[in-house]
PDB file of N, CA and C in Angstrom:
ATOM      1  N   MET A   1    -105.918-125.171  92.361  1.00  0.00           N
ATOM      2  CA  MET A   1    -107.845-125.578  92.540  1.00  0.00           C
ATOM      3  C   MET A   1    -107.620-125.634  91.206  1.00  0.00           C
ATOM      4  N   ILE A   2    -107.102-125.444  89.964  1.00  0.00           N
ATOM      5  CA  ILE A   2    -107.739-125.579  88.753  1.00  0.00           C
ATOM      6  C   ILE A   2    -107.281-127.197  88.630  1.00  0.00           C
ATOM      7  N   VAL A   3    -106.461-127.826  89.300  1.00  0.00           N
ATOM      8  CA  VAL A   3    -106.116-129.287  89.020  1.00  0.00           C
ATOM      9  C   VAL A   3    -107.343-129.988  89.711  1.00  0.00           C
ATOM     10  N   LEU A   4    -107.623-129.774  90.625  1.00  0.00           N
ATOM     11  CA  LEU A   4    -108.296-130.393  91.775  1.00  0.00           C
ATOM     12  C   LEU A   4    -109.891-130.551  90.593  1.00  0.00           C
ATOM     13  N   LYS A   5    -110.653-129.624  90.036  1.00  0.00           N
ATOM     14  CA  LYS A   5    -111.024-129.193  89.552  1.00  0.00           C
ATOM     15  C   LYS A   5    -111.194-129.893  88.431  1.00  0.00           C
ATOM     16  N   ARG A   6    -110.358-130.194  87.809  1.00  0.00           N
ATOM     17  CA  ARG A   6    -110.641-131.185  86.681  1.00  0.00           C
ATOM     18  C   ARG A   6    -110.381-132.409  87.053  1.00  0.00           C
ATOM     19  N   MET A   7    -109.913-133.048  88.348  1.00  0.00           N
ATOM     20  CA  MET A   7    -110.025-134.145  88.226  1.00  0.00           C
ATOM     21  C   MET A   7    -111.164-135.180  88.666  1.00  0.00           C
ATOM     22  N   ASN A   8    -111.265-136.653  88.187  1.00  0.00           N
ATOM     23  CA  ASN A   8    -112.232-136.970  87.728  1.00  0.00           C
ATOM     24  C   ASN A   8    -111.677-138.924  88.193  1.00  0.00           C
ATOM     25  N   HIS A   9    -111.499-138.757  89.247  1.00  0.00           N
ATOM     26  CA  HIS A   9    -111.772-139.713  89.814  1.00  0.00           C
ATOM     27  C   HIS A   9    -112.466-140.887  90.663  1.00  0.00           C
ATOM     28  N   PRO A  10    -112.898-141.691  90.841  1.00  0.00           N
ATOM     29  CA  PRO A  10    -114.360-142.121  92.071  1.00  0.00           C
ATOM     30  C   PRO A  10    -113.255-141.975  93.354  1.00  0.00           C
ATOM     31  N   ASN A  11    -112.418-142.047  93.322  1.00  0.00           N
ATOM     32  CA  ASN A  11    -112.155-142.156  94.948  1.00  0.00           C
ATOM     33  C   ASN A  11    -111.391-140.484  95.308  1.00  0.00           C
ATOM     34  N   ILE A  12    -111.671-139.788  94.734  1.00  0.00           N
ATOM     35  CA  ILE A  12    -111.092-137.841  95.167  1.00  0.00           C
ATOM     36  C   ILE A  12    -112.274-137.386  94.358  1.00  0.00           C
ATOM     37  N   LEU A  13    -113.071-136.462  95.886  1.00  0.00           N
ATOM     38  CA  LEU A  13    -114.136-135.691  95.714  1.00  0.00           C
ATOM     39  C   LEU A  13    -113.707-134.620  94.615  1.00  0.00           C
ATOM     40  N   SER A  14    -114.645-134.412  93.668  1.00  0.00           N
ATOM     41  CA  SER A  14    -114.365-132.942  92.635  1.00  0.00           C
ATOM     42  C   SER A  14    -114.512-132.114  93.061  1.00  0.00           C
ATOM     43  N   ILE A  15    -113.865-130.386  92.645  1.00  0.00           N
ATOM     44  CA  ILE A  15    -114.303-129.462  93.289  1.00  0.00           C
ATOM     45  C   ILE A  15    -114.875-128.235  92.622  1.00  0.00           C
ATOM     46  N   GLU A  16    -115.863-127.947  93.000  1.00  0.00           N
ATOM     47  CA  GLU A  16    -117.032-127.335  92.283  1.00  0.00           C
ATOM     48  C   GLU A  16    -116.369-125.421  91.723  1.00  0.00           C
ATOM     49  N   GLY A  17    -116.630-125.195  93.336  1.00  0.00           N
ATOM     50  CA  GLY A  17    -115.033-124.046  92.823  1.00  0.00           C
ATOM     51  C   GLY A  17    -114.882-123.690  94.152  1.00  0.00           C
ATOM     52  N   VAL A  18    -114.992-122.347  94.734  1.00  0.00           N
ATOM     53  CA  VAL A  18    -114.169-121.892  95.667  1.00  0.00           C
ATOM     54  C   VAL A  18    -114.763-120.750  95.797  1.00  0.00           C
ATOM     55  N   ALA A  19    -115.546-120.410  97.224  1.00  0.00           N
ATOM     56  CA  ALA A  19    -116.122-119.710  97.753  1.00  0.00           C
ATOM     57  C   ALA A  19    -115.326-118.672  98.782  1.00  0.00           C
ATOM     58  N   PRO A  20    -115.196-117.414  98.388  1.00  0.00           N
ATOM     59  CA  PRO A  20    -113.906-116.455  99.255  1.00  0.00           C
ATOM     60  C   PRO A  20    -114.208-116.186 100.676  1.00  0.00           C
ATOM     61  N   GLY A  21    -113.725-116.105 101.575  1.00  0.00           N
ATOM     62  CA  GLY A  21    -114.633-116.249 103.285  1.00  0.00           C
ATOM     63  C   GLY A  21    -113.555-114.547 103.467  1.00  0.00           C
ATOM     64  N   LEU A  22    -114.210-114.034 105.150  1.00  0.00           N
ATOM     65  CA  LEU A  22    -113.199-113.431 105.275  1.00  0.00           C
ATOM     66  C   LEU A  22    -111.656-113.450 105.623  1.00  0.00           C
ATOM     67  N   PHE A  23    -111.187-115.121 105.962  1.00  0.00           N
ATOM     68  CA  PHE A  23    -109.828-114.447 105.783  1.00  0.00           C
ATOM     69  C   PHE A  23    -109.396-116.344 105.131  1.00  0.00           C
ATOM     70  N   GLU A  24    -110.292-117.089 104.328  1.00  0.00           N
ATOM     71  CA  GLU A  24    -110.169-117.597 103.716  1.00  0.00           C
ATOM     72  C   GLU A  24    -110.835-118.128 102.859  1.00  0.00           C
ATOM     73  N   PHE A  25    -109.617-119.162 101.655  1.00  0.00           N
ATOM     74  CA  PHE A  25    -111.227-119.901 100.224  1.00  0.00           C
ATOM     75  C   PHE A  25    -111.748-121.389 101.156  1.00  0.00           C
ATOM     76  N   CYS A  26    -112.866-121.069 100.559  1.00  0.00           N
ATOM     77  CA  CYS A  26    -113.383-122.711 100.748  1.00  0.00           C
ATOM     78  C   CYS A  26    -113.725-122.887 100.103  1.00  0.00           C
ATOM     79  N   MET A  27    -113.641-124.777  99.154  1.00  0.00           N
ATOM     80  CA  MET A  27    -113.488-125.207  98.412  1.00  0.00           C
ATOM     81  C   MET A  27    -115.222-125.531  99.041  1.00  0.00           C
ATOM     82  N   VAL A  28    -115.603-125.948  97.708  1.00  0.00           N
ATOM     83  CA  VAL A  28    -117.049-125.815  97.556  1.00  0.00           C
ATOM     84  C   VAL A  28    -117.518-127.460  96.453  1.00  0.00           C
ATOM     85  N   SER A  29    -117.955-128.324  96.780  1.00  0.00           N
ATOM     86  CA  SER A  29    -117.644-129.401  96.647  1.00  0.00           C
ATOM     87  C   SER A  29    -119.040-130.367  95.816  1.00  0.00           C
ATOM     88  N   ARG A  30    -120.372-131.313  95.680  1.00  0.00           N
ATOM     89  CA  ARG A  30    -120.742-131.876  95.341  1.00  0.00           C
ATOM     90  C   ARG A  30    -121.545-132.740  97.018  1.00  0.00           C
ATOM     91  N   TRP A  31    -122.711-132.678  97.516  1.00  0.00           N
ATOM     92  CA  TRP A  31    -123.168-132.682  98.850  1.00  0.00           C
ATOM     93  C   TRP A  31    -123.129-134.266  98.471  1.00  0.00           C
ATOM     94  N   MET A  32    -122.442-135.437  99.168  1.00  0.00           N
ATOM     95  CA  MET A  32    -122.249-136.913  99.303  1.00  0.00           C
ATOM     96  C   MET A  32    -123.897-137.412  99.760  1.00  0.00           C
ATOM     97  N   ALA A  33    -123.712-138.603  99.038  1.00  0.00           N
ATOM     98  CA  ALA A  33    -124.996-139.413  99.726  1.00  0.00           C
ATOM     99  C   ALA A  33    -124.801-139.697 101.381  1.00  0.00           C
ATOM    100  N   HIS A  34    -123.464-139.796 101.932  1.00  0.00           N
ATOM    101  CA  HIS A  34    -123.565-140.855 102.773  1.00  0.00           C
ATOM    102  C   HIS A  34    -123.230-139.337 104.152  1.00  0.00           C
ATOM    103  N   GLY A  35    -122.962-138.209 103.326  1.00  0.00           N
ATOM    104  CA  GLY A  35    -122.339-136.822 104.371  1.00  0.00           C
ATOM    105  C   GLY A  35    -121.027-136.928 104.286  1.00  0.00           C
ATOM    106  N   ASN A  36    -119.866-136.397 105.468  1.00  0.00           N
ATOM    107  CA  ASN A  36    -118.582-135.964 105.325  1.00  0.00           C
ATOM    108  C   ASN A  36    -117.979-137.726 105.895  1.00  0.00           C
ATOM    109  N   ILE A  37    -116.533-137.465 105.890  1.00  0.00           N
ATOM    110  CA  ILE A  37    -116.363-138.577 106.500  1.00  0.00           C
ATOM    111  C   ILE A  37    -116.503-138.878 108.283  1.00  0.00           C
ATOM    112  N   LEU A  38    -116.771-138.097 109.378  1.00  0.00           N
ATOM    113  CA  LEU A  38    -116.740-137.773 110.342  1.00  0.00           C
ATOM    114  C   LEU A  38    -118.410-139.201 110.271  1.00  0.00           C
ATOM    115  N   ASP A  39    -119.216-138.351 109.737  1.00  0.00           N
ATOM    116  CA  ASP A  39    -120.293-138.354 110.144  1.00  0.00           C
ATOM    117  C   ASP A  39    -120.314-140.436 109.307  1.00  0.00           C
ATOM    118  N   TYR A  40    -119.917-140.882 108.012  1.00  0.00           N
ATOM    119  CA  TYR A  40    -119.906-141.984 107.594  1.00  0.00           C
ATOM    120  C   TYR A  40    -119.346-142.841 109.046  1.00  0.00           C
ATOM    121  N   VAL A  41    -118.260-142.559 109.189  1.00  0.00           N
ATOM    122  CA  VAL A  41    -117.127-143.419 109.903  1.00  0.00           C
ATOM    123  C   VAL A  41    -118.340-143.795 111.868  1.00  0.00           C
ATOM    124  N   LYS A  42    -118.590-142.614 111.894  1.00  0.00           N
ATOM    125  CA  LYS A  42    -119.831-142.596 113.157  1.00  0.00           C
ATOM    126  C   LYS A  42    -120.909-143.890 112.478  1.00  0.00           C
ATOM    127  N   LYS A  43    -121.513-143.810 111.590  1.00  0.00           N
ATOM    128  CA  LYS A  43    -122.341-144.051 111.383  1.00  0.00           C
ATOM    129  C   LYS A  43    -122.083-146.022 110.832  1.00  0.00           C
ATOM    130  N   TYR A  44    -120.927-146.023 110.533  1.00  0.00           N
ATOM    131  CA  TYR A  44    -120.432-147.820 109.761  1.00  0.00           C
ATOM    132  C   TYR A  44    -119.033-148.109 111.140  1.00  0.00           C
ATOM    133  N   THR A  45    -119.406-148.288 111.560  1.00  0.00           N
ATOM    134  CA  THR A  45    -118.569-148.375 112.822  1.00  0.00           C
ATOM    135  C   THR A  45    -117.336-149.530 112.407  1.00  0.00           C
ATOM    136  N   SER A  46    -118.027-150.569 111.723  1.00  0.00           N
ATOM    137  CA  SER A  46    -116.945-151.025 111.144  1.00  0.00           C
ATOM    138  C   SER A  46    -116.182-151.254 109.913  1.00  0.00           C
ATOM    139  N   VAL A  47    -116.142-150.231 109.335  1.00  0.00           N
ATOM    140  CA  VAL A  47    -115.637-149.650 108.157  1.00  0.00           C
ATOM    141  C   VAL A  47    -114.046-149.227 108.847  1.00  0.00           C
ATOM    142  N   ASN A  48    -112.895-150.147 107.782  1.00  0.00           N
ATOM    143  CA  ASN A  48    -111.813-149.754 107.922  1.00  0.00           C
ATOM    144  C   ASN A  48    -111.225-148.276 107.896  1.00  0.00           C
ATOM    145  N   HIS A  49    -110.602-147.717 109.297  1.00  0.00           N
ATOM    146  CA  HIS A  49    -110.822-146.519 108.993  1.00  0.00           C
ATOM    147  C   HIS A  49    -109.507-145.870 107.797  1.00  0.00           C
ATOM    148  N   LEU A  50    -108.390-147.039 108.389  1.00  0.00           N
ATOM    149  CA  LEU A  50    -106.751-146.900 107.594  1.00  0.00           C
ATOM    150  C   LEU A  50    -106.920-146.519 106.265  1.00  0.00           C
ATOM    151  N   GLU A  51    -108.603-147.512 105.573  1.00  0.00           N
ATOM    152  CA  GLU A  51    -108.643-147.876 103.708  1.00  0.00           C
ATOM    153  C   GLU A  51    -109.240-146.526 103.337  1.00  0.00           C
ATOM    154  N   LEU A  52    -110.297-146.158 104.664  1.00  0.00           N
ATOM    155  CA  LEU A  52    -111.008-144.907 104.077  1.00  0.00           C
ATOM    156  C   LEU A  52    -109.769-143.415 104.198  1.00  0.00           C
ATOM    157  N   VAL A  53    -108.407-143.408 104.667  1.00  0.00           N
ATOM    158  CA  VAL A  53    -107.341-143.120 104.839  1.00  0.00           C
ATOM    159  C   VAL A  53    -106.367-142.836 103.669  1.00  0.00           C
ATOM    160  N   CYS A  54    -106.009-144.563 103.626  1.00  0.00           N
ATOM    161  CA  CYS A  54    -105.088-144.753 102.317  1.00  0.00           C
ATOM    162  C   CYS A  54    -105.858-144.239 101.101  1.00  0.00           C
ATOM    163  N   LEU A  55    -107.092-144.433 100.749  1.00  0.00           N
ATOM    164  CA  LEU A  55    -107.564-144.605  98.772  1.00  0.00           C
ATOM    165  C   LEU A  55    -107.372-143.392  98.272  1.00  0.00           C
ATOM    166  N   PRO A  56    -107.648-142.129  99.187  1.00  0.00           N
ATOM    167  CA  PRO A  56    -107.898-141.042  98.344  1.00  0.00           C
ATOM    168  C   PRO A  56    -106.359-140.695  97.784  1.00  0.00           C
ATOM    169  N   ARG A  57    -104.827-140.767  99.191  1.00  0.00           N
ATOM    170  CA  ARG A  57    -103.731-140.927  99.020  1.00  0.00           C
ATOM    171  C   ARG A  57    -103.147-141.635  97.806  1.00  0.00           C
ATOM    172  N   ASP A  58    -103.375-143.096  97.683  1.00  0.00           N
ATOM    173  CA  ASP A  58    -103.100-143.809  97.041  1.00  0.00           C
ATOM    174  C   ASP A  58    -103.282-143.158  95.648  1.00  0.00           C
ATOM    175  N   SER A  59    -105.105-142.724  95.743  1.00  0.00           N
ATOM    176  CA  SER A  59    -105.327-142.096  94.201  1.00  0.00           C
ATOM    177  C   SER A  59    -104.405-140.915  93.672  1.00  0.00           C
ATOM    178  N   MET A  60    -104.277-140.329  94.517  1.00  0.00           N
ATOM    179  CA  MET A  60    -103.804-138.801  94.247  1.00  0.00           C
ATOM    180  C   MET A  60    -102.117-139.382  94.386  1.00  0.00           C
ATOM    181  N   VAL A  61    -101.661-139.953  94.620  1.00  0.00           N
ATOM    182  CA  VAL A  61    -100.314-140.271  93.990  1.00  0.00           C
ATOM    183  C   VAL A  61    -100.131-141.216  92.643  1.00  0.00           C
ATOM    184  N   GLN A  62    -101.548-141.820  91.868  1.00  0.00           N
ATOM    185  CA  GLN A  62    -101.573-142.738  91.186  1.00  0.00           C
ATOM    186  C   GLN A  62    -101.654-141.658  89.817  1.00  0.00           C
ATOM    187  N   ILE A  63    -102.191-140.912  90.188  1.00  0.00           N
ATOM    188  CA  ILE A  63    -102.588-139.216  89.219  1.00  0.00           C
ATOM    189  C   ILE A  63    -101.615-138.396  89.349  1.00  0.00           C
ATOM    190  N   SER A  64    -100.894-138.059  89.908  1.00  0.00           N
ATOM    191  CA  SER A  64     -99.782-137.551  89.296  1.00  0.00           C
ATOM    192  C   SER A  64     -98.486-138.149  89.429  1.00  0.00           C
ATOM    193  N   THR A  65     -99.034-139.616  88.768  1.00  0.00           N
ATOM    194  CA  THR A  65     -97.996-140.171  88.610  1.00  0.00           C
ATOM    195  C   THR A  65     -97.983-140.088  86.676  1.00  0.00           C
ATOM    196  N   HIS A  66     -98.816-139.939  86.468  1.00  0.00           N
ATOM    197  CA  HIS A  66     -99.280-140.142  85.123  1.00  0.00           C
ATOM    198  C   HIS A  66     -99.845-138.770  84.547  1.00  0.00           C
TER     199      HIS A  66
END
């Protein structure tokens, strides 16, 4: 969690903190202008779904190698 909270990358949503649930912890992040990823792909049907999945993955790989 500490690593995610300190991340500063344009393709990775930063984590503001955690909120304890009854059986789990929930990550708290800032509100995104276009909502969540599901709402975004429903609204923008021509968006490249594979690219949306690969950008954060590639960003995490890049960050982990530095």
